[in-house]
Amino acid sequence: MRVLGLCDGHEAGACLAVDGRVIFAASEERYTGRKRQPGFPGRAVHACLEWSGIAPQDIHAVAVAEKSGRAVHRLLHPIYRHTDPNQPMLRPMNLLSASIQNTIAGQPALSRWDSAVAHKTMRRKLRRGGIAAPLHFVDHHRAHAISAAFAAPFSESLVVTMDAFGDGVSATVSTWSAGMLEEIDRTPVPHSAAILYGRTTAYLGFSEGDEGKVAAMAARGDASATVSIFNDWLVFGDGKLTLRVVPTHARLRAAFADFSASDVAAGLQACVEDHVGACVKYWMRRTGMKKPRAGRRVVRQRPVE
């Protein structure tokens, strides 16, 4: 079974799995030279096929990340491909893009239209490259969860996914056992620690994708100076994170004008660590999944020749 996997959002890329084992994966940015390259990963797809020696017509299935919310981006692909994904999350176009995606994902009628458009536009791009295999769109958070669970050396585990948003969802909790993933909880947009982190990152003058720089800056700050403010905005209870305040640039400026950037970063990091840690511990207690069972599965990679 030969499956081509695609991501056509920001940080676009492709991978090729043969009989359940990934044999090649590449980011589109490696071939375009543009960091976090968005759009259809045509060059990465070509690289997958060229390296493996597999002909386009011999692909059995294509899996695409994200089921709904990206129709506008796919229709406007020539423009989207040349946008800069390294802009602050608070930039108006970034806020508009996020709003469009989540609105479509949250409305059944729009979601059905989005699905039809996605299949048509994606199939057209693939056929240009000679790929006519069945096309499958995978739920954003399920893709995250499966990639984590399948690659982990555990026969049974708790799987928690958290990011800004995808398919209208910000977080999921699942159990992984006997090769099956069962989702037991999900949190809708905008209740996301990532949204709080991303917007604060933008306020501190960094671009989207620079959250790691804020985490590093946190080591130099005093969390006690600002953590109480973040704890008023992001709370945890009954197994869920709730973002009670989705901060704008004006609100962030008003709250932190008298604090150093390092103290803001430290308070943010402490808040997110505490609440995310509490969430994971809660679901560990609820599910009873605390450690791996005996019998680890080793994932071996084919050496690059």
Protein backbone atom coordinates (compact mmCIF):
# COMPACT_ATOMS: atom_id res chain seq x y z
CA MET A 1 0.00 0.00 0.00
CA ARG A 2 1.57 3.28 -1.13
CA VAL A 3 0.08 6.41 0.43
CA LEU A 4 1.05 10.00 -0.34
CA GLY A 5 0.46 12.41 2.53
CA LEU A 6 0.08 16.16 1.93
CA CYS A 7 -0.15 19.39 3.91
CA ASP A 8 -1.01 22.44 1.81
CA GLY A 9 -1.21 25.06 4.58
CA HIS A 10 1.70 27.02 6.00
CA GLU A 11 4.80 24.85 6.33
CA ALA A 12 3.56 22.76 3.41
CA GLY A 13 5.08 19.36 2.82
CA ALA A 14 4.63 15.81 1.59
CA CYS A 15 5.50 12.33 2.75
CA LEU A 16 5.32 8.85 1.28
CA ALA A 17 4.31 5.78 3.30
CA VAL A 18 4.71 2.24 1.99
CA ASP A 19 2.93 -0.55 3.88
CA GLY A 20 2.46 1.69 6.92
CA ARG A 21 6.05 2.95 7.11
CA VAL A 22 7.11 6.47 6.14
CA ILE A 23 10.04 6.14 3.75
CA PHE A 24 10.42 9.78 2.68
CA ALA A 25 9.21 13.18 3.88
CA ALA A 26 10.07 16.71 2.80
CA SER A 27 9.03 20.29 3.47
CA GLU A 28 8.26 22.48 0.49
CA GLU A 29 10.49 25.22 1.91
CA ARG A 30 13.53 23.03 1.18
CA TYR A 31 12.92 23.48 -2.54
CA THR A 32 11.62 27.07 -2.66
CA GLY A 33 13.97 28.62 -0.11
CA ARG A 34 11.05 30.39 1.62
CA LYS A 35 10.72 29.68 5.34
CA ARG A 36 7.37 28.06 6.24
CA GLN A 37 6.35 27.97 2.55
CA PRO A 38 2.54 27.80 2.22
CA GLY A 39 0.39 26.21 -0.46
CA PHE A 40 0.34 23.02 -2.47
CA PRO A 41 3.68 21.18 -2.00
CA GLY A 42 4.29 20.33 -5.65
CA ARG A 43 8.07 20.15 -5.41
CA ALA A 44 7.97 18.04 -2.26
CA VAL A 45 5.59 15.61 -3.98
CA HIS A 46 7.97 15.36 -6.92
CA ALA A 47 10.86 14.71 -4.52
CA CYS A 48 8.92 11.89 -2.81
CA LEU A 49 8.28 10.12 -6.08
CA GLU A 50 11.73 10.73 -7.53
CA TRP A 51 13.55 9.45 -4.43
CA SER A 52 11.37 6.36 -4.06
CA GLY A 53 11.25 5.50 -7.74
CA ILE A 54 7.48 5.09 -7.50
CA ALA A 55 5.51 6.26 -10.54
CA PRO A 56 2.59 8.68 -9.97
CA GLN A 57 0.08 6.13 -11.29
CA ASP A 58 1.31 3.59 -8.71
CA ILE A 59 0.15 5.65 -5.71
CA HIS A 60 -2.80 3.86 -4.07
CA ALA A 61 -4.21 6.73 -1.96
CA VAL A 62 -3.62 10.37 -1.09
CA ALA A 63 -4.25 11.73 2.42
CA VAL A 64 -4.57 15.49 2.96
CA ALA A 65 -4.45 17.21 6.33
CA GLU A 66 -7.47 19.40 7.25
CA LYS A 67 -11.03 18.43 6.34
CA SER A 68 -12.66 21.85 6.29
CA GLY A 69 -11.99 25.56 6.39
CA ARG A 70 -9.39 25.95 3.65
CA ALA A 71 -11.52 26.34 0.51
CA VAL A 72 -10.72 30.04 0.09
CA HIS A 73 -6.98 29.40 0.43
CA ARG A 74 -7.16 26.59 -2.14
CA LEU A 75 -9.21 28.64 -4.60
CA LEU A 76 -6.77 31.54 -4.28
CA HIS A 77 -3.72 29.30 -4.33
CA PRO A 78 -1.60 31.48 -6.70
CA ILE A 79 -1.97 34.35 -4.23
CA TYR A 80 -1.80 32.24 -1.07
CA ARG A 81 1.40 30.52 -2.16
CA HIS A 82 3.17 33.87 -2.34
CA THR A 83 1.92 35.25 0.98
CA ASP A 84 4.34 35.54 3.89
CA PRO A 85 3.38 33.13 6.70
CA ASN A 86 5.98 34.67 9.00
CA GLN A 87 3.86 37.66 9.96
CA PRO A 88 2.55 38.35 13.50
CA MET A 89 -0.68 36.57 14.47
CA LEU A 90 -2.25 39.97 15.25
CA ARG A 91 -1.76 41.20 11.67
CA PRO A 92 -5.21 41.95 10.15
CA MET A 93 -4.81 39.49 7.27
CA ASN A 94 -3.81 36.71 9.67
CA LEU A 95 -6.84 37.41 11.87
CA LEU A 96 -9.09 37.45 8.78
CA SER A 97 -7.64 34.14 7.55
CA ALA A 98 -8.22 32.47 10.92
CA SER A 99 -11.77 33.84 11.09
CA ILE A 100 -12.63 32.51 7.62
CA GLN A 101 -11.29 29.04 8.38
CA ASN A 102 -13.10 28.71 11.71
CA THR A 103 -16.36 30.13 10.38
CA ILE A 104 -16.42 27.60 7.53
CA ALA A 105 -15.48 24.71 9.83
CA GLY A 106 -18.22 25.65 12.29
CA GLN A 107 -21.09 25.84 9.79
CA PRO A 108 -22.31 22.51 8.31
CA ALA A 109 -23.53 24.02 5.03
CA LEU A 110 -20.31 25.96 4.49
CA SER A 111 -18.29 22.93 5.52
CA ARG A 112 -19.98 20.78 2.86
CA TRP A 113 -19.28 23.43 0.22
CA ASP A 114 -15.68 23.62 1.44
CA SER A 115 -15.31 19.84 1.16
CA ALA A 116 -16.58 19.81 -2.42
CA VAL A 117 -14.24 22.64 -3.42
CA ALA A 118 -11.30 21.00 -1.66
CA HIS A 119 -11.77 17.70 -3.48
CA LYS A 120 -12.13 19.39 -6.86
CA THR A 121 -9.15 21.71 -6.56
CA MET A 122 -6.85 19.13 -4.96
CA ARG A 123 -7.75 16.44 -7.48
CA ARG A 124 -7.01 18.84 -10.35
CA LYS A 125 -3.54 19.59 -8.95
CA LEU A 126 -2.74 15.91 -8.41
CA ARG A 127 -3.90 14.87 -11.88
CA ARG A 128 -1.54 17.39 -13.43
CA GLY A 129 1.21 15.32 -11.87
CA GLY A 130 -0.27 12.03 -13.04
CA ILE A 131 -1.74 11.02 -9.66
CA ALA A 132 -5.32 9.74 -9.86
CA ALA A 133 -5.50 7.77 -6.59
CA PRO A 134 -8.51 8.07 -4.21
CA LEU A 135 -8.35 11.25 -2.15
CA HIS A 136 -8.97 11.36 1.62
CA PHE A 137 -9.13 14.46 3.81
CA VAL A 138 -8.11 13.83 7.43
CA ASP A 139 -9.33 15.77 10.47
CA HIS A 140 -6.61 18.19 11.60
CA HIS A 141 -6.34 17.01 15.21
CA ARG A 142 -6.80 13.36 14.34
CA ALA A 143 -3.79 13.65 12.03
CA HIS A 144 -1.75 15.12 14.89
CA ALA A 145 -2.93 12.44 17.31
CA ILE A 146 -2.31 9.51 14.97
CA SER A 147 1.19 10.70 14.07
CA ALA A 148 2.08 10.94 17.77
CA ALA A 149 0.48 7.64 18.81
CA PHE A 150 1.75 5.58 15.89
CA ALA A 151 5.34 6.75 16.26
CA ALA A 152 5.46 6.34 20.06
CA PRO A 153 6.95 3.13 21.49
CA PHE A 154 3.85 2.46 23.63
CA SER A 155 1.14 -0.12 23.12
CA GLU A 156 -1.29 2.02 25.11
CA SER A 157 -1.25 5.74 25.80
CA LEU A 158 -3.10 8.97 26.41
CA VAL A 159 -2.91 11.30 23.41
CA VAL A 160 -3.47 15.05 23.85
CA THR A 161 -3.32 17.51 20.95
CA MET A 162 -3.26 21.28 21.36
CA ASP A 163 -2.67 24.03 18.84
CA ALA A 164 -4.28 27.29 17.75
CA PHE A 165 -6.99 25.71 15.60
CA GLY A 166 -7.74 23.21 12.89
CA ASP A 167 -11.13 22.05 11.58
CA GLY A 168 -12.70 24.41 14.13
CA VAL A 169 -11.06 22.67 17.09
CA SER A 170 -8.24 23.79 19.40
CA ALA A 171 -7.60 20.62 21.44
CA THR A 172 -8.50 16.94 21.65
CA VAL A 173 -8.00 14.12 24.12
CA SER A 174 -7.87 10.51 22.92
CA THR A 175 -6.85 7.07 24.06
CA TRP A 176 -4.60 4.82 22.00
CA SER A 177 -4.88 1.08 22.56
CA ALA A 178 -4.54 -2.04 20.40
CA GLY A 179 -3.77 0.12 17.38
CA MET A 180 -7.01 2.10 17.73
CA LEU A 181 -7.44 5.81 18.49
CA GLU A 182 -10.62 6.79 20.34
CA GLU A 183 -11.34 10.47 20.85
CA ILE A 184 -12.97 11.18 24.22
CA ASP A 185 -12.98 14.98 24.38
CA ARG A 186 -12.50 18.02 22.16
CA THR A 187 -12.27 21.75 22.79
CA PRO A 188 -13.60 24.22 20.20
CA VAL A 189 -11.97 27.43 19.01
CA PRO A 190 -10.91 29.82 20.51
CA HIS A 191 -10.12 28.10 23.81
CA SER A 192 -6.46 27.58 23.11
CA ALA A 193 -3.26 28.21 25.00
CA ALA A 194 -1.61 28.54 21.57
CA ILE A 195 -3.79 31.51 20.63
CA LEU A 196 -2.83 33.27 23.87
CA TYR A 197 0.83 32.42 23.28
CA GLY A 198 0.74 33.48 19.65
CA ARG A 199 -0.91 36.81 20.31
CA THR A 200 1.50 37.60 23.12
CA THR A 201 4.37 36.63 20.84
CA ALA A 202 3.09 39.17 18.30
CA TYR A 203 2.73 41.84 21.00
CA LEU A 204 6.37 41.31 21.98
CA GLY A 205 7.40 42.04 18.39
CA PHE A 206 7.92 38.55 17.03
CA SER A 207 6.36 36.83 14.02
CA GLU A 208 4.14 33.77 13.88
CA GLY A 209 6.35 30.74 14.39
CA ASP A 210 8.67 32.61 16.77
CA GLU A 211 7.02 31.32 19.94
CA GLY A 212 10.22 29.43 20.76
CA LYS A 213 12.03 32.75 21.09
CA VAL A 214 9.48 33.86 23.68
CA ALA A 215 9.95 30.59 25.59
CA ALA A 216 13.70 31.26 25.64
CA MET A 217 13.15 34.84 26.78
CA ALA A 218 11.01 33.53 29.66
CA ALA A 219 14.11 32.09 31.33
CA ARG A 220 15.36 35.63 31.98
CA GLY A 221 12.13 37.02 33.43
CA ASP A 222 10.20 37.07 36.71
CA ALA A 223 6.99 35.08 36.23
CA SER A 224 5.49 36.30 39.52
CA ALA A 225 5.25 39.81 38.08
CA THR A 226 2.78 38.94 35.32
CA VAL A 227 1.47 35.38 35.69
CA SER A 228 -1.65 36.48 37.60
CA ILE A 229 -2.81 38.48 34.58
CA PHE A 230 -2.45 35.51 32.25
CA ASN A 231 -4.16 33.27 34.82
CA ASP A 232 -7.19 35.57 34.66
CA TRP A 233 -7.35 35.07 30.91
CA LEU A 234 -6.58 31.34 30.57
CA VAL A 235 -8.18 28.96 33.08
CA PHE A 236 -8.48 25.22 33.52
CA GLY A 237 -11.40 23.24 34.90
CA ASP A 238 -13.24 19.95 34.35
CA GLY A 239 -10.63 18.72 31.90
CA LYS A 240 -10.76 21.75 29.60
CA LEU A 241 -8.77 24.90 29.00
CA THR A 242 -10.90 28.01 28.62
CA LEU A 243 -9.57 31.21 27.12
CA ARG A 244 -11.82 33.72 28.88
CA VAL A 245 -10.13 36.66 27.16
CA VAL A 246 -8.82 36.55 23.59
CA PRO A 247 -6.43 39.50 23.91
CA THR A 248 -6.12 42.19 21.29
CA HIS A 249 -2.95 44.23 20.86
CA ALA A 250 -4.59 47.10 22.74
CA ARG A 251 -5.50 44.88 25.70
CA LEU A 252 -2.00 43.40 25.82
CA ARG A 253 -0.44 46.85 25.71
CA ALA A 254 -2.71 48.10 28.50
CA ALA A 255 -1.97 45.07 30.69
CA PHE A 256 1.79 44.90 30.22
CA ALA A 257 2.95 48.42 29.43
CA ASP A 258 4.79 48.66 32.77
CA PHE A 259 6.52 45.27 32.56
CA SER A 260 9.65 44.14 30.74
CA ALA A 261 9.38 41.80 27.78
CA SER A 262 11.18 39.10 29.78
CA ASP A 263 8.69 39.33 32.64
CA VAL A 264 5.77 39.09 30.20
CA ALA A 265 7.31 36.04 28.55
CA ALA A 266 7.99 34.41 31.93
CA GLY A 267 4.43 34.93 33.13
CA LEU A 268 3.01 33.57 29.88
CA GLN A 269 5.25 30.50 29.99
CA ALA A 270 4.39 29.76 33.62
CA CYS A 271 0.66 30.10 32.99
CA VAL A 272 0.68 27.83 29.95
CA GLU A 273 2.91 25.21 31.59
CA ASP A 274 0.72 25.09 34.72
CA HIS A 275 -2.60 24.81 32.89
CA VAL A 276 -1.48 22.39 30.17
CA GLY A 277 0.21 20.24 32.81
CA ALA A 278 -2.97 20.23 34.89
CA CYS A 279 -5.00 19.22 31.84
CA VAL A 280 -2.77 16.25 31.06
CA LYS A 281 -2.77 15.11 34.70
CA TYR A 282 -6.56 15.35 34.82
CA TRP A 283 -6.99 13.06 31.81
CA MET A 284 -4.34 10.67 33.09
CA ARG A 285 -6.45 10.22 36.22
CA ARG A 286 -9.69 9.92 34.26
CA THR A 287 -8.36 7.31 31.83
CA GLY A 288 -5.93 5.52 34.13
CA MET A 289 -3.23 5.76 31.45
CA LYS A 290 -0.05 6.68 33.27
CA LYS A 291 2.77 4.65 31.77
CA PRO A 292 3.50 2.39 28.79
CA ARG A 293 2.95 -1.32 29.00
CA ALA A 294 5.69 -3.82 28.32
CA GLY A 295 6.47 -4.64 24.73
CA ARG A 296 7.81 -1.58 22.94
CA ARG A 297 7.53 -1.27 19.20
CA VAL A 298 10.66 0.04 17.54
CA VAL A 299 10.14 2.17 14.43
CA ARG A 300 13.07 1.70 12.08
CA GLN A 301 13.88 4.16 9.34
CA ARG A 302 15.26 3.30 5.94
CA PRO A 303 18.74 4.79 5.57
CA VAL A 304 19.11 7.57 3.04
CA GLU A 305 21.29 6.39 0.18
